[in-house]
């Protein structure tokens, strides 16, 4: 059990009808994806052909930032705003899709890109499922 699920499971605020299991999965997937993207960007910087990975590095860092922000917003429920939650989930899905697509282009040569793409796809799915539950 993650810290997020433990805290969210005991949070006294209403969650606007959100399924807590979907919420927990999205938070955990966002945190894991942010870490994977940050580590992948750093690994790309250590590759011999770093210039060929410039776009990958940029997209990794953008995705990491959006995933971190999304996890933080999803973890707050006092004064919950469904519209903000929806907007951040849409942005996170787009960033994860873009990052996974880019990392998959390099996955045959770089194992760190394969792992990062996997984390991005998990996060993309979790955020899509939560987004679908919002409507």
Protein backbone atom coordinates (compact mmCIF):
# COMPACT_ATOMS: atom_id res chain seq x y z
CA UNK A 1 0.00 0.00 0.00
CA UNK A 2 1.37 3.41 -0.94
CA UNK A 3 1.47 6.41 1.35
CA UNK A 4 -0.96 8.17 -0.98
CA UNK A 5 -3.56 5.42 -0.75
CA UNK A 6 -3.16 5.21 3.01
CA UNK A 7 -3.68 8.94 3.45
CA UNK A 8 -6.42 9.28 0.83
CA UNK A 9 -8.20 6.30 2.36
CA UNK A 10 -8.37 8.16 5.67
CA UNK A 11 -8.99 11.65 4.30
CA UNK A 12 -12.02 13.26 5.98
CA UNK A 13 -13.07 15.35 2.94
CA UNK A 14 -15.55 14.25 0.31
CA UNK A 15 -14.00 13.20 -2.98
CA UNK A 16 -16.77 14.47 -5.24
CA UNK A 17 -17.96 10.95 -5.92
CA UNK A 18 -14.55 9.82 -7.21
CA UNK A 19 -13.69 6.14 -6.95
CA UNK A 20 -10.85 6.11 -4.43
CA UNK A 21 -9.23 3.04 -6.03
CA UNK A 22 -9.02 4.84 -9.39
CA UNK A 23 -7.76 7.95 -7.65
CA UNK A 24 -5.07 6.00 -5.77
CA UNK A 25 -3.93 4.26 -8.96
CA UNK A 26 -3.68 7.58 -10.80
CA UNK A 27 -1.65 9.20 -8.01
CA UNK A 28 0.70 6.22 -7.73
CA UNK A 29 1.09 6.00 -11.53
CA UNK A 30 1.83 9.73 -11.77
CA UNK A 31 4.49 9.57 -9.05
CA UNK A 32 6.12 6.51 -10.65
CA UNK A 33 6.00 8.09 -14.10
CA UNK A 34 7.54 11.35 -12.90
CA UNK A 35 10.43 9.39 -11.41
CA UNK A 36 10.86 7.22 -14.50
CA UNK A 37 10.84 10.23 -16.83
CA UNK A 38 13.36 12.11 -14.71
CA UNK A 39 15.67 9.09 -14.57
CA UNK A 40 15.26 8.44 -18.31
CA UNK A 41 16.16 12.04 -19.16
CA UNK A 42 19.26 11.73 -17.00
CA UNK A 43 20.20 8.40 -18.63
CA UNK A 44 19.72 9.96 -22.07
CA UNK A 45 22.15 12.71 -21.07
CA UNK A 46 24.77 10.02 -20.40
CA UNK A 47 24.41 8.34 -23.80
CA UNK A 48 27.15 8.84 -26.41
CA UNK A 49 24.69 10.14 -29.01
CA UNK A 50 23.03 12.62 -26.65
CA UNK A 51 22.19 15.07 -29.45
CA UNK A 52 19.97 12.42 -31.06
CA UNK A 53 18.04 12.21 -27.79
CA UNK A 54 17.44 15.94 -27.29
CA UNK A 55 13.73 15.71 -28.09
CA UNK A 56 13.36 12.66 -25.87
CA UNK A 57 15.03 14.48 -22.98
CA UNK A 58 12.77 17.51 -23.39
CA UNK A 59 9.61 15.41 -23.55
CA UNK A 60 10.78 13.34 -20.55
CA UNK A 61 11.21 16.47 -18.46
CA UNK A 62 7.87 17.97 -19.55
CA UNK A 63 6.11 14.70 -18.75
CA UNK A 64 7.83 14.44 -15.36
CA UNK A 65 6.70 17.96 -14.46
CA UNK A 66 3.10 17.33 -15.53
CA UNK A 67 2.93 13.99 -13.73
CA UNK A 68 4.29 15.51 -10.53
CA UNK A 69 1.81 18.37 -10.71
CA UNK A 70 -1.05 15.98 -11.46
CA UNK A 71 -0.19 13.76 -8.50
CA UNK A 72 -0.15 16.79 -6.23
CA UNK A 73 -3.50 18.12 -7.45
CA UNK A 74 -5.10 14.67 -7.24
CA UNK A 75 -3.88 14.39 -3.64
CA UNK A 76 -5.76 17.53 -2.54
CA UNK A 77 -9.48 17.33 -1.83
CA UNK A 78 -10.24 20.21 0.48
CA UNK A 79 -12.09 22.66 -1.74
CA UNK A 80 -12.06 20.12 -4.60
CA UNK A 81 -12.63 21.56 -8.10
CA UNK A 82 -13.72 19.00 -10.72
CA UNK A 83 -12.86 21.34 -13.63
CA UNK A 84 -9.25 21.74 -12.53
CA UNK A 85 -8.95 18.00 -11.97
CA UNK A 86 -10.34 17.31 -15.44
CA UNK A 87 -7.95 19.81 -17.10
CA UNK A 88 -4.85 18.47 -15.38
CA UNK A 89 -5.78 14.87 -16.21
CA UNK A 90 -6.23 15.77 -19.89
CA UNK A 91 -2.80 17.44 -19.93
CA UNK A 92 -1.19 14.50 -18.15
CA UNK A 93 -2.68 11.98 -20.60
CA UNK A 94 -1.33 14.02 -23.53
CA UNK A 95 2.14 14.32 -21.99
CA UNK A 96 2.33 10.63 -21.14
CA UNK A 97 1.20 9.62 -24.63
CA UNK A 98 3.78 11.91 -26.25
CA UNK A 99 6.57 10.72 -23.96
CA UNK A 100 5.73 7.04 -24.43
CA UNK A 101 5.63 7.48 -28.21
CA UNK A 102 9.04 9.19 -28.21
CA UNK A 103 10.65 6.72 -25.80
CA UNK A 104 9.32 3.78 -27.84
CA UNK A 105 11.28 5.13 -30.82
CA UNK A 106 14.49 4.63 -28.81
CA UNK A 107 13.52 1.52 -26.85
CA UNK A 108 15.39 -0.95 -29.06
CA UNK A 109 18.67 0.84 -28.34
CA UNK A 110 18.07 2.12 -24.82
CA UNK A 111 16.49 -0.02 -22.11
CA UNK A 112 15.81 3.07 -19.98
CA UNK A 113 13.56 4.39 -22.76
CA UNK A 114 11.65 1.10 -22.88
CA UNK A 115 11.04 1.22 -19.13
CA UNK A 116 10.06 4.88 -19.28
CA UNK A 117 7.57 4.20 -22.09
CA UNK A 118 6.02 1.45 -19.96
CA UNK A 119 5.63 3.84 -17.00
CA UNK A 120 4.11 6.48 -19.28
CA UNK A 121 1.57 4.03 -20.72
CA UNK A 122 0.54 2.95 -17.21
CA UNK A 123 0.08 6.58 -16.17
CA UNK A 124 -1.79 7.42 -19.37
CA UNK A 125 -4.24 4.54 -18.73
CA UNK A 126 -4.73 5.41 -15.05
CA UNK A 127 -5.42 9.07 -15.81
CA UNK A 128 -7.79 8.15 -18.66
CA UNK A 129 -9.74 5.83 -16.35
CA UNK A 130 -10.02 8.52 -13.68
CA UNK A 131 -11.00 11.08 -16.31
CA UNK A 132 -13.74 8.77 -17.61
CA UNK A 133 -15.06 8.43 -14.04
CA UNK A 134 -15.30 12.23 -13.76
CA UNK A 135 -17.81 12.57 -16.59
